[in-house]
Amino acid sequence: MPDPFAPVSTPGFLAGRGVLIIVENLPVPFDRRVWQEALALRDGGAEVSVICPAGDGAPAGEHLVEGIHIHRHPLPPDARGAAGYLREYAAALWQQSRLAWRIWRRRRFDVIHGCNPPDLIFLVALQFRLAGCRFVFDHHDISPELFEAKFGKRGVLWWLLRGVERLTFAVADVSIATNESYRKIACGRGAMAPERVFVVRSGPDQGRLRRVPANPRWKSGRRFLVGYVGVMGAQEGIDLLLRSAEILCRERGRRDLQFVLVGGGPELEALRALSRRMGLEDVVSFPGRLPDADLFEMLSTADICVNPDRVTPMNDLSTMNKILEYMVFAKPIVQFDVTEGRVSAGPASLYARANDPEDFADRIEALLADPEMRHVMGQAGLKRLREGLCWPQQVPALHAAYRRVLGL
């Protein structure tokens, strides 16, 4: 029986082809999904270039990393408010167009692979349409729902986002969805033919994520460690998690709990300040982004991992990478009850009532009291990964999308 974790590729079927990947959300290779896709296309024989923003530890300029040509450009500071996002998107669009033409003059490409948000990369793809360049839309986020989650309203900009999303689907030759919920959106409000939409899940890379021996330093002398890895943003619900920590450690008097919340983002400093105001600085630490070695050590040490993402239309339909990464480390999970969270984790997670920090605290406490349940849930997560949720098992669908778009 073949190993379900083994990489699957079709060497050479993209030989002589060029692919330009454009992403605005994160630098590459820190955007793990985009990096995995770039490597899979390289392994298929394509010459792959990536345009992405610069960031901490990812300086601007041209870089050759593992055979991938990476072109990073500067962006304005983290956007706040609608005007800030418009400035960021305009600056990114100009940089993406400028760099795309520079790359075109050096090494022609056959496909532009655009990763949202925002849903504006089709404007770059249109510039190369007359040259026969195809457009693959990689649907990472549902932008109208993301806007509503960030700003708590709809309004004119929400309708504008619906419009550019529709234009993106109209221009795309093929769309890649991260889950079945997104596929339904592509075929529904995106009006794409089902045979042009391919589900390529954001599976964890077993070659990168490695369990290592636990290190008690992460527990700061306490018995239990609750770990979180992800973006520090408004819709991630870190404020709700801090309220759960306050309930457990202050109102219920637990002295055996340490919380380590790993990641960067626009709300990091505000969340650190909130933690101090709540008197939690001794039981909650925010180390920011960590090198892989430290991150893997923290996850290997954690007794429970959490996903406090608020229940919103966006989070309900989105696959969260952190859930799958927790499962690689065989960790029991606590999260609020969302559709795609259940699809990913199944019995590897307990599910709290929507946006209820007290019920979330109850679920954490239930797991702390039952080591056997923690073990069983952790093993259930590993089993689900083996059954089809790891990255190597997604590569055939990615390659199928490229066979379709190139007529191979």
Protein backbone atom coordinates (compact mmCIF):
# COMPACT_ATOMS: atom_id res chain seq x y z
CA MET A 1 0.00 0.00 0.00
CA PRO A 2 1.51 3.40 -0.94
CA ASP A 3 2.40 5.83 1.81
CA PRO A 4 -0.43 8.42 1.94
CA PHE A 5 2.05 11.04 3.16
CA ALA A 6 4.43 10.52 0.22
CA PRO A 7 4.77 13.40 -2.26
CA VAL A 8 2.85 12.90 -5.49
CA SER A 9 4.03 14.68 -8.62
CA THR A 10 4.16 14.34 -12.38
CA PRO A 11 7.74 15.21 -13.31
CA GLY A 12 8.18 17.08 -16.54
CA PHE A 13 4.59 17.66 -17.64
CA LEU A 14 5.14 21.44 -17.34
CA ALA A 15 8.57 21.40 -18.98
CA GLY A 16 9.14 24.53 -21.04
CA ARG A 17 6.25 26.36 -19.35
CA GLY A 18 6.51 29.49 -17.23
CA VAL A 19 4.28 30.36 -14.27
CA LEU A 20 4.04 33.73 -12.51
CA ILE A 21 2.45 33.56 -9.04
CA ILE A 22 1.22 36.86 -7.56
CA VAL A 23 0.31 37.12 -3.88
CA GLU A 24 -0.24 40.21 -1.73
CA ASN A 25 -1.12 38.79 1.66
CA LEU A 26 2.27 37.56 2.91
CA PRO A 27 5.89 37.29 1.80
CA VAL A 28 7.03 34.05 0.21
CA PRO A 29 8.16 31.57 1.48
CA PHE A 30 6.36 32.59 4.72
CA ASP A 31 3.03 32.10 2.94
CA ARG A 32 3.23 28.33 3.22
CA ARG A 33 0.41 27.47 0.81
CA VAL A 34 1.86 29.63 -1.96
CA TRP A 35 5.33 28.24 -1.34
CA GLN A 36 4.04 24.66 -1.49
CA GLU A 37 2.28 25.42 -4.77
CA ALA A 38 5.40 27.05 -6.22
CA LEU A 39 7.50 24.00 -5.34
CA ALA A 40 4.90 21.59 -6.74
CA LEU A 41 4.81 23.49 -10.04
CA ARG A 42 8.60 23.58 -10.13
CA ASP A 43 8.64 19.83 -9.56
CA GLY A 44 6.25 19.51 -12.50
CA GLY A 45 8.90 21.12 -14.71
CA ALA A 46 7.74 24.76 -14.81
CA GLU A 47 9.95 27.81 -14.39
CA VAL A 48 8.26 29.59 -11.49
CA SER A 49 8.44 33.26 -10.53
CA VAL A 50 6.66 34.84 -7.56
CA ILE A 51 5.70 38.48 -6.90
CA CYS A 52 4.92 39.16 -3.24
CA PRO A 53 5.33 41.86 -0.58
CA ALA A 54 8.42 42.26 1.54
CA GLY A 55 8.18 41.85 5.31
CA ASP A 56 10.07 41.03 8.49
CA GLY A 57 12.79 38.55 7.57
CA ALA A 58 11.86 38.80 3.89
CA PRO A 59 13.64 41.83 2.38
CA ALA A 60 12.60 43.53 -0.83
CA GLY A 61 14.44 42.70 -4.05
CA GLU A 62 15.06 39.69 -6.25
CA HIS A 63 15.94 36.35 -4.66
CA LEU A 64 16.45 32.83 -5.99
CA VAL A 65 15.27 30.30 -3.39
CA GLU A 66 15.21 26.57 -4.20
CA GLY A 67 14.93 27.34 -7.88
CA ILE A 68 12.02 29.79 -7.44
CA HIS A 69 12.53 33.40 -8.63
CA ILE A 70 11.06 35.59 -5.85
CA HIS A 71 10.47 39.32 -6.47
CA ARG A 72 9.49 41.14 -3.27
CA HIS A 73 8.23 44.72 -3.27
CA PRO A 74 7.60 47.19 -0.43
CA LEU A 75 4.08 48.02 0.73
CA PRO A 76 2.70 50.76 3.02
CA PRO A 77 2.44 49.87 6.74
CA ASP A 78 -0.38 47.55 7.84
CA ALA A 79 -3.61 49.09 6.59
CA ARG A 80 -6.29 50.33 8.96
CA GLY A 81 -9.68 51.45 7.75
CA ALA A 82 -11.11 51.44 4.25
CA ALA A 83 -8.89 54.30 3.04
CA GLY A 84 -5.78 52.47 4.26
CA TYR A 85 -6.75 49.32 2.40
CA LEU A 86 -7.39 51.27 -0.80
CA ARG A 87 -3.91 52.82 -0.57
CA GLU A 88 -2.36 49.40 0.02
CA TYR A 89 -4.21 47.80 -2.88
CA ALA A 90 -3.33 50.62 -5.29
CA ALA A 91 0.36 50.45 -4.32
CA ALA A 92 0.39 46.66 -4.65
CA LEU A 93 -1.31 46.72 -8.05
CA TRP A 94 1.27 49.16 -9.40
CA GLN A 95 4.16 47.08 -8.02
CA GLN A 96 2.68 43.84 -9.35
CA SER A 97 2.20 45.28 -12.84
CA ARG A 98 5.68 46.80 -12.91
CA LEU A 99 7.37 43.59 -11.79
CA ALA A 100 5.25 41.38 -14.04
CA TRP A 101 6.43 43.27 -17.12
CA ARG A 102 10.03 43.11 -15.91
CA ILE A 103 9.75 39.33 -15.49
CA TRP A 104 8.02 39.00 -18.89
CA ARG A 105 10.95 40.69 -20.62
CA ARG A 106 13.40 38.27 -18.97
CA ARG A 107 11.52 34.97 -19.08
CA ARG A 108 8.10 34.59 -20.65
CA PHE A 109 5.32 32.92 -18.69
CA ASP A 110 2.24 31.02 -19.86
CA VAL A 111 0.11 31.35 -16.72
CA ILE A 112 -0.50 34.04 -14.12
CA HIS A 113 -1.56 32.39 -10.86
CA GLY A 114 -3.24 35.08 -8.74
CA CYS A 115 -3.81 34.54 -5.01
CA ASN A 116 -6.33 36.77 -3.27
CA PRO A 117 -6.99 38.88 -1.22
CA PRO A 118 -7.58 41.33 -2.79
CA ASP A 119 -9.57 40.34 -5.87
CA LEU A 120 -7.67 42.73 -8.12
CA ILE A 121 -4.91 40.58 -9.60
CA PHE A 122 -7.10 39.91 -12.65
CA LEU A 123 -6.16 43.49 -13.68
CA VAL A 124 -2.55 42.33 -14.03
CA ALA A 125 -3.61 39.18 -15.88
CA LEU A 126 -5.64 41.19 -18.40
CA GLN A 127 -2.48 43.03 -19.46
CA PHE A 128 -1.05 39.74 -20.76
CA ARG A 129 -4.24 38.24 -22.20
CA LEU A 130 -3.47 39.29 -25.78
CA ALA A 131 -0.14 37.45 -25.52
CA GLY A 132 -2.05 34.23 -24.80
CA CYS A 133 -1.30 34.16 -21.07
CA ARG A 134 -3.86 32.19 -19.02
CA PHE A 135 -5.18 33.19 -15.59
CA VAL A 136 -5.58 30.82 -12.63
CA PHE A 137 -7.46 32.34 -9.68
CA ASP A 138 -6.37 30.83 -6.35
CA HIS A 139 -9.29 31.66 -4.04
CA HIS A 140 -7.74 31.99 -0.56
CA ASP A 141 -10.33 34.28 1.06
CA ILE A 142 -13.90 35.36 0.40
CA SER A 143 -13.22 39.09 0.24
CA PRO A 144 -16.76 40.44 0.80
CA GLU A 145 -17.11 38.32 3.95
CA LEU A 146 -13.59 39.33 5.03
CA PHE A 147 -14.56 43.01 4.71
CA GLU A 148 -17.70 42.42 6.77
CA ALA A 149 -15.69 40.59 9.44
CA LYS A 150 -13.15 43.43 9.67
CA PHE A 151 -15.56 46.37 9.63
CA GLY A 152 -18.82 44.88 10.90
CA LYS A 153 -20.91 46.29 8.04
CA ARG A 154 -21.59 46.05 4.32
CA GLY A 155 -22.20 49.33 2.49
CA VAL A 156 -20.81 50.59 -0.82
CA LEU A 157 -17.36 49.02 -0.46
CA TRP A 158 -18.89 45.61 0.28
CA TRP A 159 -20.83 45.78 -2.99
CA LEU A 160 -17.68 46.92 -4.80
CA LEU A 161 -15.88 43.85 -3.48
CA ARG A 162 -18.69 41.62 -4.71
CA GLY A 163 -18.29 43.23 -8.12
CA VAL A 164 -14.53 42.74 -8.42
CA GLU A 165 -14.90 39.18 -7.13
CA ARG A 166 -17.34 38.51 -9.96
CA LEU A 167 -14.94 40.08 -12.48
CA THR A 168 -12.11 37.91 -11.15
CA PHE A 169 -14.12 34.74 -11.75
CA ALA A 170 -15.16 36.02 -15.19
CA VAL A 171 -11.53 36.56 -16.26
CA ALA A 172 -10.22 33.31 -14.72
CA ASP A 173 -9.67 30.35 -17.02
CA VAL A 174 -9.53 28.06 -13.97
CA SER A 175 -10.30 28.64 -10.30
CA ILE A 176 -8.68 26.84 -7.38
CA ALA A 177 -10.79 26.55 -4.21
CA THR A 178 -9.36 25.74 -0.79
CA ASN A 179 -12.42 23.69 0.22
CA GLU A 180 -15.87 22.60 -0.94
CA SER A 181 -17.52 25.70 0.55
CA TYR A 182 -15.35 27.92 -1.66
CA ARG A 183 -16.03 25.68 -4.65
CA LYS A 184 -19.76 26.26 -4.19
CA ILE A 185 -19.12 30.02 -4.16
CA ALA A 186 -17.09 29.79 -7.39
CA CYS A 187 -19.83 27.80 -9.12
CA GLY A 188 -22.63 29.88 -7.58
CA ARG A 189 -22.06 33.60 -7.36
CA GLY A 190 -18.86 33.23 -9.43
CA ALA A 191 -20.85 31.51 -12.23
CA MET A 192 -17.92 29.25 -13.12
CA ALA A 193 -18.50 25.89 -14.79
CA PRO A 194 -17.89 23.10 -12.24
CA GLU A 195 -15.28 21.43 -14.45
CA ARG A 196 -13.15 24.61 -14.25
CA VAL A 197 -13.04 24.66 -10.44
CA PHE A 198 -10.53 22.46 -8.60
CA VAL A 199 -10.33 21.91 -4.82
CA VAL A 200 -6.73 22.12 -3.60
CA ARG A 201 -6.75 22.14 0.19
CA SER A 202 -4.13 23.94 2.27
CA GLY A 203 -2.63 20.76 3.67
CA PRO A 204 0.26 20.80 6.13
CA ASP A 205 3.66 19.78 4.83
CA GLN A 206 4.88 16.73 6.74
CA GLY A 207 8.36 17.38 5.39
CA ARG A 208 8.50 20.71 7.22
CA LEU A 209 6.42 20.22 10.38
CA ARG A 210 8.29 17.97 12.79
CA ARG A 211 7.43 16.94 16.32
CA VAL A 212 10.42 17.39 18.62
CA PRO A 213 11.00 16.71 22.33
CA ALA A 214 8.94 18.90 24.64
CA ASN A 215 10.75 21.72 26.43
CA PRO A 216 9.30 22.77 29.80
CA ARG A 217 10.62 26.33 29.40
CA TRP A 218 7.46 27.15 27.43
CA LYS A 219 5.33 26.33 30.48
CA SER A 220 7.08 28.88 32.72
CA GLY A 221 6.95 26.49 35.66
CA ARG A 222 3.27 25.62 35.25
CA ARG A 223 1.69 22.23 34.63
CA PHE A 224 -0.24 22.91 31.41
CA LEU A 225 0.44 24.85 28.21
CA VAL A 226 -2.28 26.18 25.91
CA GLY A 227 -0.85 27.13 22.51
CA TYR A 228 -2.04 29.33 19.66
CA VAL A 229 -0.35 29.96 16.30
CA GLY A 230 -1.76 32.44 13.80
CA VAL A 231 -2.35 36.01 12.77
CA MET A 232 -2.96 38.65 15.42
CA GLY A 233 -5.90 40.35 13.74
CA ALA A 234 -9.37 41.60 14.61
CA GLN A 235 -11.33 38.62 13.29
CA GLU A 236 -9.06 36.01 14.90
CA GLY A 237 -10.82 36.35 18.26
CA ILE A 238 -7.69 36.71 20.40
CA ASP A 239 -9.61 39.10 22.67
CA LEU A 240 -12.12 36.29 23.28
CA LEU A 241 -9.26 33.92 24.11
CA LEU A 242 -7.86 36.45 26.58
CA ARG A 243 -11.28 36.62 28.23
CA SER A 244 -11.23 32.80 28.51
CA ALA A 245 -7.77 33.00 30.10
CA GLU A 246 -9.10 35.60 32.53
CA ILE A 247 -12.01 33.32 33.47
CA LEU A 248 -9.71 30.34 34.04
CA CYS A 249 -6.77 32.02 35.76
CA ARG A 250 -8.42 34.88 37.62
CA GLU A 251 -12.08 34.09 38.21
CA ARG A 252 -11.62 30.32 38.72
CA GLY A 253 -8.23 30.70 40.36
CA ARG A 254 -6.23 28.23 38.26
CA ARG A 255 -2.50 28.62 38.82
CA ASP A 256 -1.38 25.73 36.60
CA LEU A 257 -1.97 27.28 33.15
CA GLN A 258 0.35 29.09 30.74
CA PHE A 259 -0.82 30.51 27.40
CA VAL A 260 1.64 31.11 24.54
CA LEU A 261 0.18 32.98 21.57
CA VAL A 262 2.53 32.93 18.57
CA GLY A 263 2.28 35.15 15.51
CA GLY A 264 2.41 38.69 14.20
CA GLY A 265 -0.21 40.98 12.77
CA PRO A 266 -1.80 44.42 12.91
CA GLU A 267 -3.37 43.91 16.35
CA LEU A 268 -0.35 42.41 18.14
CA GLU A 269 0.57 45.47 20.20
CA ALA A 270 -3.06 46.23 21.01
CA LEU A 271 -3.56 42.65 22.22
CA ARG A 272 -0.43 42.81 24.38
CA ALA A 273 -1.79 46.01 25.92
CA LEU A 274 -5.21 44.38 26.48
CA SER A 275 -3.53 41.43 28.20
CA ARG A 276 -1.70 43.81 30.55
CA ARG A 277 -4.92 45.70 31.36
CA MET A 278 -6.57 42.37 32.20
CA GLY A 279 -3.68 41.50 34.52
CA LEU A 280 -2.69 38.45 32.45
CA GLU A 281 0.91 39.30 31.59
CA ASP A 282 2.24 36.57 33.91
CA VAL A 283 0.13 33.79 32.32
CA VAL A 284 -0.09 34.91 28.67
CA SER A 285 2.96 35.53 26.48
CA PHE A 286 3.09 36.98 22.96
CA PRO A 287 6.50 36.07 21.49
CA GLY A 288 5.57 37.29 17.98
CA ARG A 289 6.70 35.25 14.98
CA LEU A 290 9.06 32.42 15.87
CA PRO A 291 11.69 30.53 13.87
CA ASP A 292 10.52 27.06 12.91
CA ALA A 293 12.68 25.35 15.54
CA ASP A 294 11.08 27.35 18.37
CA LEU A 295 7.60 27.06 16.89
CA PHE A 296 7.82 23.28 16.60
CA GLU A 297 9.16 23.03 20.14
CA MET A 298 6.28 25.10 21.52
CA LEU A 299 3.69 23.03 19.64
CA SER A 300 5.33 19.79 20.76
CA THR A 301 5.16 21.00 24.36
CA ALA A 302 1.55 22.25 24.29
CA ASP A 303 -1.12 20.17 26.03
CA ILE A 304 -3.96 21.83 24.10
CA CYS A 305 -4.06 24.07 21.03
CA VAL A 306 -6.80 26.61 20.38
CA ASN A 307 -8.49 28.40 17.49
CA PRO A 308 -10.59 31.29 18.85
CA ASP A 309 -11.61 32.63 15.41
CA ARG A 310 -14.88 34.48 15.74
CA VAL A 311 -17.92 32.82 14.17
CA THR A 312 -18.53 35.00 11.11
CA PRO A 313 -19.66 34.14 7.57
CA MET A 314 -16.03 34.27 6.45
CA ASN A 315 -14.62 32.08 9.22
CA ASP A 316 -17.51 29.65 8.93
CA LEU A 317 -16.61 28.87 5.31
CA SER A 318 -12.80 29.12 5.48
CA THR A 319 -10.22 26.43 6.16
CA MET A 320 -7.75 27.56 8.82
CA ASN A 321 -4.22 26.28 8.34
CA LYS A 322 -3.47 26.37 12.05
CA ILE A 323 -6.08 23.66 12.71
CA LEU A 324 -4.31 21.26 10.36
CA GLU A 325 -0.90 22.15 11.76
CA TYR A 326 -2.11 21.44 15.30
CA MET A 327 -3.23 18.02 14.05
CA VAL A 328 0.26 17.25 12.71
CA PHE A 329 1.49 17.63 16.28
CA ALA A 330 -1.31 15.33 17.56
CA LYS A 331 -2.81 18.07 19.72
CA PRO A 332 -6.41 18.17 20.94
CA ILE A 333 -8.08 21.38 19.81
CA VAL A 334 -10.66 23.77 21.20
CA GLN A 335 -12.43 26.10 18.75
CA PHE A 336 -15.74 27.80 18.21
CA ASP A 337 -18.21 25.78 16.15
CA VAL A 338 -17.73 26.65 12.47
CA THR A 339 -18.54 24.56 9.39
CA GLU A 340 -15.08 24.17 7.87
CA GLY A 341 -13.47 23.85 11.31
CA ARG A 342 -15.53 20.69 11.80
CA VAL A 343 -14.67 19.46 8.30
CA SER A 344 -10.96 19.80 9.10
CA ALA A 345 -10.77 18.62 12.70
CA GLY A 346 -13.79 16.37 13.22
CA PRO A 347 -13.28 14.41 16.48
CA ALA A 348 -9.86 16.02 17.06
CA SER A 349 -11.59 19.13 18.45
CA LEU A 350 -14.10 20.25 21.03
CA TYR A 351 -16.49 22.95 19.83
CA ALA A 352 -17.60 25.87 21.99
CA ARG A 353 -20.75 27.94 21.49
CA ALA A 354 -20.33 30.77 19.01
CA ASN A 355 -18.17 33.59 20.38
CA ASP A 356 -18.77 32.53 24.01
CA PRO A 357 -15.48 32.81 25.96
CA GLU A 358 -16.95 31.15 29.06
CA ASP A 359 -17.98 28.04 27.13
CA PHE A 360 -14.56 28.12 25.44
CA ALA A 361 -12.96 28.13 28.90
CA ASP A 362 -15.18 25.20 29.91
CA ARG A 363 -13.94 23.16 26.93
CA ILE A 364 -10.32 23.90 27.78
CA GLU A 365 -10.93 22.86 31.37
CA ALA A 366 -12.65 19.63 30.30
CA LEU A 367 -9.58 18.64 28.29
CA LEU A 368 -7.18 19.57 31.07
CA ALA A 369 -9.07 17.21 33.39
CA ASP A 370 -8.93 14.22 31.01
CA PRO A 371 -5.49 13.16 29.70
CA GLU A 372 -6.98 10.10 27.97
CA MET A 373 -9.38 12.27 25.98
CA ARG A 374 -6.49 14.53 24.98
CA HIS A 375 -4.55 11.53 23.68
CA VAL A 376 -7.51 10.03 21.79
CA MET A 377 -8.32 13.36 20.14
CA GLY A 378 -4.70 13.91 19.14
CA GLN A 379 -4.55 10.49 17.48
CA ALA A 380 -7.87 11.17 15.73
CA GLY A 381 -6.31 14.27 14.19
CA LEU A 382 -3.36 12.29 12.85
CA LYS A 383 -5.75 9.73 11.38
CA ARG A 384 -7.69 12.43 9.53
CA LEU A 385 -4.47 13.79 8.05
CA ARG A 386 -3.51 10.35 6.77
CA GLU A 387 -6.94 10.01 5.17
CA GLY A 388 -6.39 12.90 2.78
CA LEU A 389 -5.68 16.28 4.38
CA CYS A 390 -1.89 16.56 3.96
CA TRP A 391 -0.27 18.64 1.24
CA PRO A 392 1.26 15.82 -0.86
CA GLN A 393 -2.26 14.49 -1.36
CA GLN A 394 -3.34 17.86 -2.81
CA VAL A 395 -0.66 18.04 -5.53
CA PRO A 396 -2.56 15.88 -8.09
CA ALA A 397 -5.49 18.33 -7.99
CA LEU A 398 -3.12 21.28 -8.51
CA HIS A 399 -1.51 19.53 -11.45
CA ALA A 400 -4.97 18.69 -12.85
CA ALA A 401 -5.88 22.39 -12.74
CA TYR A 402 -2.78 23.18 -14.78
CA ARG A 403 -3.48 20.42 -17.28
CA ARG A 404 -6.91 21.95 -17.76
CA VAL A 405 -5.74 25.56 -18.13
CA LEU A 406 -2.96 24.64 -20.57
CA GLY A 407 -4.91 21.98 -22.46
CA LEU A 408 -2.37 19.26 -21.67
